[in-house]
Amino acid sequence: MPIITDAKWAVCIDVDEFINIKIGDGTLDDLFAAVPDANMIAMTWRLFGNADIAAFEDDLIIRQFTRCAPEYARKPHQAWGFKTLFQNTGIFKKLGVHRPKGLNPQLVDQINWVNGSGVPLPESMYRNGWRSTVTTYGYDMVQLNHYAVRSAESFLVKRDRGRVNHVDRDQGLSYWFRMNNNAEEDTSIQRMIPRVEKELARFMEDDEIAAMHAHCVKAHRAKIDALRQTQNYANFYQDLIGPRMRKLAHMHTHFGSNVFLSGPDCVPDEIVARDPDDTFFFTVERGETQH
């Protein structure tokens, strides 16, 4: 049974991913007009951290969290993952998390796939590519702001809920270490706040929507409070907001891939004590991956 029939463009996207269009008025129409011949657009993740915010607040994500990975962020492995806007023209047979899948080989010459700077992607990406490389990443026109962690309190709820795609993996300190990147500030998406607030106010004029929002905020707050009353999550929360993890969130560019696979405990205290603005590199031997 077909899922998509009449849509011209489609994308598989999560609620913690915000499309940040940097050209024109910041709309999809502006993006499509800038690359009129493209039928696929790869939007590379920019990993946004918690900006050292501990407490949950009922406020716009794009206003609260402004710290993120540098544009040139080869590690961790997730840093340059992308999601793909694509035209619904039958070149591919099915949806995929990061890009459409099931290439119809007779239609391969119809692909015009560009990155977030409008630069064509190589044919080597067509079948299985899902992350950008040093030669294919681009953020000039569009990037995908990925708010995977948000506040430390909200992350308690995320961990308790469990992972969606990998249900056997704990979203623990190693996940926080990989995804919480506070190295730089990027407020480019905040130009959209006035329009977002106007639309949000229109939604809240509906009593049912307003009540559902209030209920969800109350339930989230209650879950945070309940988790923090347990010894396990109380200790975990203190780890999240402690000076060691706060410092590591500013040091990703100094670490090799194996550091992110091994988790934060592999980083010696003398490395953590270094100035993030210094020039140095630290890695470890490949060990058991900590999820």
C-alpha atoms as a PDB file:
ATOM      1  CA  MET A   1       0.000   0.000   0.000  1.00  0.00           C
ATOM      2  CA  PRO A   2       1.571   3.336  -1.024  1.00  0.00           C
ATOM      3  CA  ILE A   3       2.321   5.778   1.778  1.00  0.00           C
ATOM      4  CA  ILE A   4       3.003   8.821  -0.380  1.00  0.00           C
ATOM      5  CA  THR A   5       0.958   9.553  -3.478  1.00  0.00           C
ATOM      6  CA  ASP A   6       0.527  13.232  -4.311  1.00  0.00           C
ATOM      7  CA  ALA A   7       3.479  14.839  -2.505  1.00  0.00           C
ATOM      8  CA  LYS A   8       6.067  16.403  -4.814  1.00  0.00           C
ATOM      9  CA  TRP A   9       8.802  16.378  -2.140  1.00  0.00           C
ATOM     10  CA  ALA A  10       9.255  14.047   0.831  1.00  0.00           C
ATOM     11  CA  VAL A  11      11.676  13.552   3.719  1.00  0.00           C
ATOM     12  CA  CYS A  12      11.954  11.154   6.655  1.00  0.00           C
ATOM     13  CA  ILE A  13      12.656  13.348   9.652  1.00  0.00           C
ATOM     14  CA  ASP A  14      12.580  13.191  13.450  1.00  0.00           C
ATOM     15  CA  VAL A  15      11.019  15.691  15.857  1.00  0.00           C
ATOM     16  CA  ASP A  16      14.468  16.668  17.182  1.00  0.00           C
ATOM     17  CA  GLU A  17      15.660  17.666  13.698  1.00  0.00           C
ATOM     18  CA  PHE A  18      14.983  21.227  12.518  1.00  0.00           C
ATOM     19  CA  ILE A  19      15.546  22.239   8.891  1.00  0.00           C
ATOM     20  CA  ASN A  20      17.592  25.438   8.936  1.00  0.00           C
ATOM     21  CA  ILE A  21      17.388  27.146   5.549  1.00  0.00           C
ATOM     22  CA  LYS A  22      19.870  29.992   5.395  1.00  0.00           C
ATOM     23  CA  ILE A  23      18.847  31.630   2.120  1.00  0.00           C
ATOM     24  CA  GLY A  24      15.921  33.860   1.184  1.00  0.00           C
ATOM     25  CA  ASP A  25      13.191  33.949   3.822  1.00  0.00           C
ATOM     26  CA  GLY A  26      14.201  30.556   5.166  1.00  0.00           C
ATOM     27  CA  THR A  27      11.433  28.585   3.446  1.00  0.00           C
ATOM     28  CA  LEU A  28      11.507  25.328   1.521  1.00  0.00           C
ATOM     29  CA  ASP A  29      10.343  27.211  -1.556  1.00  0.00           C
ATOM     30  CA  ASP A  30      13.439  29.412  -1.300  1.00  0.00           C
ATOM     31  CA  LEU A  31      15.634  26.320  -1.080  1.00  0.00           C
ATOM     32  CA  PHE A  32      13.984  24.607  -4.027  1.00  0.00           C
ATOM     33  CA  ALA A  33      14.260  27.782  -6.110  1.00  0.00           C
ATOM     34  CA  ALA A  34      18.003  27.987  -5.373  1.00  0.00           C
ATOM     35  CA  VAL A  35      18.620  24.522  -6.853  1.00  0.00           C
ATOM     36  CA  PRO A  36      15.856  24.249  -9.467  1.00  0.00           C
ATOM     37  CA  ASP A  37      17.326  21.223 -11.241  1.00  0.00           C
ATOM     38  CA  ALA A  38      17.918  19.167  -8.095  1.00  0.00           C
ATOM     39  CA  ASN A  39      15.559  16.323  -7.234  1.00  0.00           C
ATOM     40  CA  MET A  40      17.416  15.331  -4.042  1.00  0.00           C
ATOM     41  CA  ILE A  41      18.953  17.591  -1.373  1.00  0.00           C
ATOM     42  CA  ALA A  42      21.157  16.180   1.392  1.00  0.00           C
ATOM     43  CA  MET A  43      20.829  18.198   4.611  1.00  0.00           C
ATOM     44  CA  THR A  44      23.863  17.464   6.801  1.00  0.00           C
ATOM     45  CA  TRP A  45      23.399  17.292  10.549  1.00  0.00           C
ATOM     46  CA  ARG A  46      24.853  19.946  12.818  1.00  0.00           C
ATOM     47  CA  LEU A  47      24.906  18.352  16.264  1.00  0.00           C
ATOM     48  CA  PHE A  48      23.519  20.778  18.864  1.00  0.00           C
ATOM     49  CA  GLY A  49      24.346  20.205  22.520  1.00  0.00           C
ATOM     50  CA  ASN A  50      22.626  21.181  25.729  1.00  0.00           C
ATOM     51  CA  ALA A  51      24.433  24.568  25.879  1.00  0.00           C
ATOM     52  CA  ASP A  52      25.211  23.697  29.528  1.00  0.00           C
ATOM     53  CA  ILE A  53      21.490  23.950  30.319  1.00  0.00           C
ATOM     54  CA  ALA A  54      20.502  21.570  33.115  1.00  0.00           C
ATOM     55  CA  ALA A  55      16.823  22.321  33.770  1.00  0.00           C
ATOM     56  CA  PHE A  56      13.878  21.614  31.481  1.00  0.00           C
ATOM     57  CA  GLU A  57      11.939  24.705  30.408  1.00  0.00           C
ATOM     58  CA  ASP A  58       8.794  24.981  28.325  1.00  0.00           C
ATOM     59  CA  ASP A  59      10.362  27.207  25.694  1.00  0.00           C
ATOM     60  CA  LEU A  60      11.371  27.011  22.050  1.00  0.00           C
ATOM     61  CA  ILE A  61      14.196  24.555  21.370  1.00  0.00           C
ATOM     62  CA  ILE A  62      15.744  26.929  18.830  1.00  0.00           C
ATOM     63  CA  ARG A  63      15.889  29.735  21.412  1.00  0.00           C
ATOM     64  CA  GLN A  64      17.356  27.678  24.257  1.00  0.00           C
ATOM     65  CA  PHE A  65      20.046  25.618  22.563  1.00  0.00           C
ATOM     66  CA  THR A  66      22.576  27.583  20.529  1.00  0.00           C
ATOM     67  CA  ARG A  67      25.814  25.615  21.060  1.00  0.00           C
ATOM     68  CA  CYS A  68      26.831  23.030  18.499  1.00  0.00           C
ATOM     69  CA  ALA A  69      29.571  21.210  16.631  1.00  0.00           C
ATOM     70  CA  PRO A  70      31.798  23.114  14.216  1.00  0.00           C
ATOM     71  CA  GLU A  71      30.872  22.813  10.566  1.00  0.00           C
ATOM     72  CA  TYR A  72      34.047  20.806  10.013  1.00  0.00           C
ATOM     73  CA  ALA A  73      33.266  17.963  12.390  1.00  0.00           C
ATOM     74  CA  ARG A  74      34.327  14.577  11.060  1.00  0.00           C
ATOM     75  CA  LYS A  75      33.773  12.840  14.392  1.00  0.00           C
ATOM     76  CA  PRO A  76      31.912  11.241  16.006  1.00  0.00           C
ATOM     77  CA  HIS A  77      30.567   9.051  13.216  1.00  0.00           C
ATOM     78  CA  GLN A  78      27.102  10.612  13.563  1.00  0.00           C
ATOM     79  CA  ALA A  79      28.355  14.179  13.167  1.00  0.00           C
ATOM     80  CA  TRP A  80      27.966  14.355   9.406  1.00  0.00           C
ATOM     81  CA  GLY A  81      24.948  12.140   8.996  1.00  0.00           C
ATOM     82  CA  PHE A  82      22.317  13.658   6.728  1.00  0.00           C
ATOM     83  CA  LYS A  83      18.633  13.483   5.884  1.00  0.00           C
ATOM     84  CA  THR A  84      17.481  13.809   2.287  1.00  0.00           C
ATOM     85  CA  LEU A  85      14.708  15.878   0.780  1.00  0.00           C
ATOM     86  CA  PHE A  86      13.717  14.057  -2.411  1.00  0.00           C
ATOM     87  CA  GLN A  87      11.179  14.380  -5.176  1.00  0.00           C
ATOM     88  CA  ASN A  88       8.579  11.634  -5.340  1.00  0.00           C
ATOM     89  CA  THR A  89       9.326  10.587  -8.941  1.00  0.00           C
ATOM     90  CA  GLY A  90       9.882   6.841  -8.666  1.00  0.00           C
ATOM     91  CA  ILE A  91      13.667   6.857  -8.942  1.00  0.00           C
ATOM     92  CA  PHE A  92      13.739   5.012  -5.612  1.00  0.00           C
ATOM     93  CA  LYS A  93      11.278   2.367  -4.451  1.00  0.00           C
ATOM     94  CA  LYS A  94      10.921   3.096  -0.729  1.00  0.00           C
ATOM     95  CA  LEU A  95      11.584   5.475   2.126  1.00  0.00           C
ATOM     96  CA  GLY A  96      14.772   5.268   4.155  1.00  0.00           C
ATOM     97  CA  VAL A  97      15.728   6.954   7.418  1.00  0.00           C
ATOM     98  CA  HIS A  98      18.507   9.009   5.858  1.00  0.00           C
ATOM     99  CA  ARG A  99      17.701   8.815   2.145  1.00  0.00           C
ATOM    100  CA  PRO A 100      15.325   6.966  -0.173  1.00  0.00           C
ATOM    101  CA  LYS A 101      16.276   3.367  -0.926  1.00  0.00           C
ATOM    102  CA  GLY A 102      15.759   0.777  -3.625  1.00  0.00           C
ATOM    103  CA  LEU A 103      17.283   2.559  -6.606  1.00  0.00           C
ATOM    104  CA  ASN A 104      15.665   1.717  -9.931  1.00  0.00           C
ATOM    105  CA  PRO A 105      18.881   1.171 -11.948  1.00  0.00           C
ATOM    106  CA  GLN A 106      17.297   2.240 -15.235  1.00  0.00           C
ATOM    107  CA  LEU A 107      16.622   5.677 -13.697  1.00  0.00           C
ATOM    108  CA  VAL A 108      20.061   6.330 -12.215  1.00  0.00           C
ATOM    109  CA  ASP A 109      20.877   8.952 -14.832  1.00  0.00           C
ATOM    110  CA  GLN A 110      17.898  11.017 -13.635  1.00  0.00           C
ATOM    111  CA  ILE A 111      19.395  11.616 -10.184  1.00  0.00           C
ATOM    112  CA  ASN A 112      20.474  15.184  -9.459  1.00  0.00           C
ATOM    113  CA  TRP A 113      21.502  15.014  -5.803  1.00  0.00           C
ATOM    114  CA  VAL A 114      23.096  18.064  -4.202  1.00  0.00           C
ATOM    115  CA  ASN A 115      24.452  18.816  -0.748  1.00  0.00           C
ATOM    116  CA  GLY A 116      23.502  21.677   1.561  1.00  0.00           C
ATOM    117  CA  SER A 117      25.608  24.070  -0.489  1.00  0.00           C
ATOM    118  CA  GLY A 118      24.025  23.043  -3.803  1.00  0.00           C
ATOM    119  CA  VAL A 119      27.068  21.040  -4.925  1.00  0.00           C
ATOM    120  CA  PRO A 120      26.316  17.741  -6.741  1.00  0.00           C
ATOM    121  CA  LEU A 121      27.056  14.547  -4.820  1.00  0.00           C
ATOM    122  CA  PRO A 122      29.129  11.808  -6.500  1.00  0.00           C
ATOM    123  CA  GLU A 123      27.538   8.686  -7.930  1.00  0.00           C
ATOM    124  CA  SER A 124      29.232   6.640  -5.219  1.00  0.00           C
ATOM    125  CA  MET A 125      26.595   7.997  -2.803  1.00  0.00           C
ATOM    126  CA  TYR A 126      23.604   6.902  -4.831  1.00  0.00           C
ATOM    127  CA  ARG A 127      23.002   3.428  -3.395  1.00  0.00           C
ATOM    128  CA  ASN A 128      24.004   3.510   0.270  1.00  0.00           C
ATOM    129  CA  GLY A 129      25.395   6.937   1.232  1.00  0.00           C
ATOM    130  CA  TRP A 130      23.970   8.366   4.457  1.00  0.00           C
ATOM    131  CA  ARG A 131      26.687  10.670   5.804  1.00  0.00           C
ATOM    132  CA  SER A 132      28.765  13.477   4.368  1.00  0.00           C
ATOM    133  CA  THR A 133      32.538  13.412   3.906  1.00  0.00           C
ATOM    134  CA  VAL A 134      35.298  16.011   3.775  1.00  0.00           C
ATOM    135  CA  THR A 135      34.546  16.479   0.075  1.00  0.00           C
ATOM    136  CA  THR A 136      30.741  16.363   0.210  1.00  0.00           C
ATOM    137  CA  TYR A 137      29.620  18.242   3.338  1.00  0.00           C
ATOM    138  CA  GLY A 138      28.086  21.693   2.874  1.00  0.00           C
ATOM    139  CA  TYR A 139      26.046  24.087   4.998  1.00  0.00           C
ATOM    140  CA  ASP A 140      25.824  27.252   2.900  1.00  0.00           C
ATOM    141  CA  MET A 141      22.134  26.949   1.965  1.00  0.00           C
ATOM    142  CA  VAL A 142      20.697  24.454   4.430  1.00  0.00           C
ATOM    143  CA  GLN A 143      21.726  22.434   7.470  1.00  0.00           C
ATOM    144  CA  LEU A 144      19.792  20.091   9.709  1.00  0.00           C
ATOM    145  CA  ASN A 145      19.980  21.252  13.311  1.00  0.00           C
ATOM    146  CA  HIS A 146      19.956  18.041  15.350  1.00  0.00           C
ATOM    147  CA  TYR A 147      18.935  18.561  18.992  1.00  0.00           C
ATOM    148  CA  ALA A 148      19.513  15.003  20.197  1.00  0.00           C
ATOM    149  CA  VAL A 149      20.104  15.744  23.888  1.00  0.00           C
ATOM    150  CA  ARG A 150      18.481  19.067  24.867  1.00  0.00           C
ATOM    151  CA  SER A 151      18.521  19.822  28.621  1.00  0.00           C
ATOM    152  CA  ALA A 152      20.108  17.418  31.090  1.00  0.00           C
ATOM    153  CA  GLU A 153      16.742  16.915  32.807  1.00  0.00           C
ATOM    154  CA  SER A 154      14.969  16.092  29.550  1.00  0.00           C
ATOM    155  CA  PHE A 155      17.728  13.632  28.685  1.00  0.00           C
ATOM    156  CA  LEU A 156      16.764  11.621  31.763  1.00  0.00           C
ATOM    157  CA  VAL A 157      13.348  11.042  30.207  1.00  0.00           C
ATOM    158  CA  LYS A 158      14.865  10.206  26.838  1.00  0.00           C
ATOM    159  CA  ARG A 159      17.121   7.605  28.421  1.00  0.00           C
ATOM    160  CA  ASP A 160      14.255   6.105  30.409  1.00  0.00           C
ATOM    161  CA  ARG A 161      12.099   5.865  27.279  1.00  0.00           C
ATOM    162  CA  GLY A 162      14.791   3.936  25.410  1.00  0.00           C
ATOM    163  CA  ARG A 163      16.043   4.105  21.855  1.00  0.00           C
ATOM    164  CA  VAL A 164      13.636   3.762  18.950  1.00  0.00           C
ATOM    165  CA  ASN A 165      15.866   2.248  16.256  1.00  0.00           C
ATOM    166  CA  HIS A 166      18.214   0.341  18.591  1.00  0.00           C
ATOM    167  CA  VAL A 167      16.076  -0.859  21.477  1.00  0.00           C
ATOM    168  CA  ASP A 168      18.877  -2.978  22.962  1.00  0.00           C
ATOM    169  CA  ARG A 169      21.221  -0.011  23.439  1.00  0.00           C
ATOM    170  CA  ASP A 170      21.284   2.225  26.490  1.00  0.00           C
ATOM    171  CA  GLN A 171      21.211   5.971  25.904  1.00  0.00           C
ATOM    172  CA  GLY A 172      23.666   6.496  28.688  1.00  0.00           C
ATOM    173  CA  LEU A 173      26.728   8.625  29.312  1.00  0.00           C
ATOM    174  CA  SER A 174      28.467   7.456  26.117  1.00  0.00           C
ATOM    175  CA  TYR A 175      25.516   8.602  23.996  1.00  0.00           C
ATOM    176  CA  TRP A 176      25.476  11.954  25.788  1.00  0.00           C
ATOM    177  CA  PHE A 177      29.235  12.280  25.247  1.00  0.00           C
ATOM    178  CA  ARG A 178      28.921  11.679  21.495  1.00  0.00           C
ATOM    179  CA  MET A 179      25.885  13.839  20.823  1.00  0.00           C
ATOM    180  CA  ASN A 180      26.388  16.718  23.278  1.00  0.00           C
ATOM    181  CA  ASN A 181      28.631  19.126  21.380  1.00  0.00           C
ATOM    182  CA  ASN A 182      28.905  22.698  22.693  1.00  0.00           C
ATOM    183  CA  ALA A 183      32.046  23.818  20.855  1.00  0.00           C
ATOM    184  CA  GLU A 184      30.585  26.743  18.890  1.00  0.00           C
ATOM    185  CA  GLU A 185      27.573  29.035  18.854  1.00  0.00           C
ATOM    186  CA  ASP A 186      25.177  29.086  15.922  1.00  0.00           C
ATOM    187  CA  THR A 187      22.056  31.260  16.117  1.00  0.00           C
ATOM    188  CA  SER A 188      21.275  31.318  12.386  1.00  0.00           C
ATOM    189  CA  ILE A 189      17.923  29.549  12.854  1.00  0.00           C
ATOM    190  CA  GLN A 190      16.736  32.149  15.362  1.00  0.00           C
ATOM    191  CA  ARG A 191      15.661  34.534  12.615  1.00  0.00           C
ATOM    192  CA  MET A 192      12.667  32.215  12.312  1.00  0.00           C
ATOM    193  CA  ILE A 193      11.556  32.751  15.934  1.00  0.00           C
ATOM    194  CA  PRO A 194       9.060  35.589  15.243  1.00  0.00           C
ATOM    195  CA  ARG A 195       7.269  33.474  12.643  1.00  0.00           C
ATOM    196  CA  VAL A 196       7.382  30.391  14.853  1.00  0.00           C
ATOM    197  CA  GLU A 197       5.916  32.308  17.789  1.00  0.00           C
ATOM    198  CA  LYS A 198       3.167  33.751  15.622  1.00  0.00           C
ATOM    199  CA  GLU A 199       2.186  30.304  14.378  1.00  0.00           C
ATOM    200  CA  LEU A 200       2.449  28.808  17.858  1.00  0.00           C
ATOM    201  CA  ALA A 201       0.159  31.518  19.231  1.00  0.00           C
ATOM    202  CA  ARG A 202      -2.360  30.661  16.518  1.00  0.00           C
ATOM    203  CA  PHE A 203      -2.265  26.997  17.546  1.00  0.00           C
ATOM    204  CA  MET A 204      -2.720  27.885  21.208  1.00  0.00           C
ATOM    205  CA  GLU A 205      -5.916  29.734  20.406  1.00  0.00           C
ATOM    206  CA  ASP A 206      -7.402  26.263  20.059  1.00  0.00           C
ATOM    207  CA  ASP A 207      -8.388  25.247  23.592  1.00  0.00           C
ATOM    208  CA  GLU A 208      -7.872  21.540  22.913  1.00  0.00           C
ATOM    209  CA  ILE A 209      -4.371  22.020  21.530  1.00  0.00           C
ATOM    210  CA  ALA A 210      -3.452  24.329  24.413  1.00  0.00           C
ATOM    211  CA  ALA A 211      -4.741  21.780  26.929  1.00  0.00           C
ATOM    212  CA  MET A 212      -2.811  18.940  25.303  1.00  0.00           C
ATOM    213  CA  HIS A 213       0.368  21.009  25.337  1.00  0.00           C
ATOM    214  CA  ALA A 214      -0.069  21.853  29.012  1.00  0.00           C
ATOM    215  CA  HIS A 215      -0.739  18.193  29.797  1.00  0.00           C
ATOM    216  CA  CYS A 216       2.432  17.068  27.991  1.00  0.00           C
ATOM    217  CA  VAL A 217       4.575  19.671  29.762  1.00  0.00           C
ATOM    218  CA  LYS A 218       3.136  18.617  33.140  1.00  0.00           C
ATOM    219  CA  ALA A 219       3.732  14.927  32.391  1.00  0.00           C
ATOM    220  CA  HIS A 220       7.300  15.587  31.271  1.00  0.00           C
ATOM    221  CA  ARG A 221       8.026  17.584  34.412  1.00  0.00           C
ATOM    222  CA  ALA A 222       6.501  14.876  36.591  1.00  0.00           C
ATOM    223  CA  LYS A 223       8.585  12.169  34.895  1.00  0.00           C
ATOM    224  CA  ILE A 224      11.764  14.189  35.438  1.00  0.00           C
ATOM    225  CA  ASP A 225      10.933  14.632  39.129  1.00  0.00           C
ATOM    226  CA  ALA A 226      10.173  10.936  39.558  1.00  0.00           C
ATOM    227  CA  LEU A 227      13.414   9.847  37.870  1.00  0.00           C
ATOM    228  CA  ARG A 228      15.491  12.252  39.916  1.00  0.00           C
ATOM    229  CA  GLN A 229      14.096  10.681  43.076  1.00  0.00           C
ATOM    230  CA  THR A 230      15.746   7.353  42.189  1.00  0.00           C
ATOM    231  CA  GLN A 231      19.388   6.828  43.138  1.00  0.00           C
ATOM    232  CA  ASN A 232      20.386   5.605  39.676  1.00  0.00           C
ATOM    233  CA  TYR A 233      19.038   8.624  37.819  1.00  0.00           C
ATOM    234  CA  ALA A 234      20.089  11.065  40.525  1.00  0.00           C
ATOM    235  CA  ASN A 235      23.676   9.885  40.085  1.00  0.00           C
ATOM    236  CA  PHE A 236      23.357   9.902  36.304  1.00  0.00           C
ATOM    237  CA  TYR A 237      22.054  13.482  36.368  1.00  0.00           C
ATOM    238  CA  GLN A 238      25.002  14.621  38.473  1.00  0.00           C
ATOM    239  CA  ASP A 239      27.345  13.029  35.922  1.00  0.00           C
ATOM    240  CA  LEU A 240      25.608  14.893  33.089  1.00  0.00           C
ATOM    241  CA  ILE A 241      25.898  18.309  34.706  1.00  0.00           C
ATOM    242  CA  GLY A 242      29.289  17.774  36.328  1.00  0.00           C
ATOM    243  CA  PRO A 243      32.410  19.696  35.270  1.00  0.00           C
ATOM    244  CA  ARG A 244      33.968  16.725  33.481  1.00  0.00           C
ATOM    245  CA  MET A 245      31.116  16.164  31.012  1.00  0.00           C
ATOM    246  CA  ARG A 246      30.631  19.918  30.562  1.00  0.00           C
ATOM    247  CA  LYS A 247      34.287  20.244  29.589  1.00  0.00           C
ATOM    248  CA  LEU A 248      34.250  17.245  27.238  1.00  0.00           C
ATOM    249  CA  ALA A 249      31.357  18.804  25.300  1.00  0.00           C
ATOM    250  CA  HIS A 250      33.790  21.491  24.108  1.00  0.00           C
ATOM    251  CA  MET A 251      36.603  19.120  23.103  1.00  0.00           C
ATOM    252  CA  HIS A 252      35.252  16.807  20.378  1.00  0.00           C
ATOM    253  CA  THR A 253      37.569  18.057  17.647  1.00  0.00           C
ATOM    254  CA  HIS A 254      40.588  16.833  19.620  1.00  0.00           C
ATOM    255  CA  PHE A 255      39.470  13.191  19.798  1.00  0.00           C
ATOM    256  CA  GLY A 256      39.889  10.236  17.472  1.00  0.00           C
ATOM    257  CA  SER A 257      36.992   7.994  16.470  1.00  0.00           C
ATOM    258  CA  ASN A 258      37.891   5.308  18.986  1.00  0.00           C
ATOM    259  CA  VAL A 259      37.403   7.752  21.856  1.00  0.00           C
ATOM    260  CA  PHE A 260      33.737   8.140  20.931  1.00  0.00           C
ATOM    261  CA  LEU A 261      33.355   4.377  20.573  1.00  0.00           C
ATOM    262  CA  SER A 262      34.984   3.733  23.963  1.00  0.00           C
ATOM    263  CA  GLY A 263      33.093   6.438  25.863  1.00  0.00           C
ATOM    264  CA  PRO A 264      34.097   9.342  28.111  1.00  0.00           C
ATOM    265  CA  ASP A 265      35.789   7.205  30.769  1.00  0.00           C
ATOM    266  CA  CYS A 266      38.684   6.536  28.378  1.00  0.00           C
ATOM    267  CA  VAL A 267      39.737  10.205  28.425  1.00  0.00           C
ATOM    268  CA  PRO A 268      42.358  10.801  31.142  1.00  0.00           C
ATOM    269  CA  ASP A 269      41.871  13.663  33.570  1.00  0.00           C
ATOM    270  CA  GLU A 270      45.026  15.384  32.309  1.00  0.00           C
ATOM    271  CA  ILE A 271      43.493  15.553  28.823  1.00  0.00           C
ATOM    272  CA  VAL A 272      40.192  16.884  30.171  1.00  0.00           C
ATOM    273  CA  ALA A 273      42.155  19.579  31.997  1.00  0.00           C
ATOM    274  CA  ARG A 274      43.618  20.957  28.773  1.00  0.00           C
ATOM    275  CA  ASP A 275      42.378  24.140  27.124  1.00  0.00           C
ATOM    276  CA  PRO A 276      39.928  23.305  24.284  1.00  0.00           C
ATOM    277  CA  ASP A 277      41.566  26.088  22.252  1.00  0.00           C
ATOM    278  CA  ASP A 278      44.959  24.348  22.373  1.00  0.00           C
ATOM    279  CA  THR A 279      46.184  22.255  19.452  1.00  0.00           C
ATOM    280  CA  PHE A 280      46.348  18.584  20.414  1.00  0.00           C
ATOM    281  CA  PHE A 281      44.971  15.170  19.474  1.00  0.00           C
ATOM    282  CA  PHE A 282      44.033  12.238  21.678  1.00  0.00           C
ATOM    283  CA  THR A 283      42.854   8.747  20.793  1.00  0.00           C
ATOM    284  CA  VAL A 284      42.878   5.188  22.135  1.00  0.00           C
ATOM    285  CA  GLU A 285      43.074   1.677  20.763  1.00  0.00           C
ATOM    286  CA  ARG A 286      39.857   0.216  19.435  1.00  0.00           C
ATOM    287  CA  GLY A 287      37.939  -1.473  22.245  1.00  0.00           C
ATOM    288  CA  GLU A 288      34.392  -2.586  22.962  1.00  0.00           C
ATOM    289  CA  THR A 289      31.885  -0.067  21.709  1.00  0.00           C
ATOM    290  CA  GLN A 290      29.956   1.720  24.444  1.00  0.00           C
ATOM    291  CA  HIS A 291      26.476   2.657  23.236  1.00  0.00           C
END
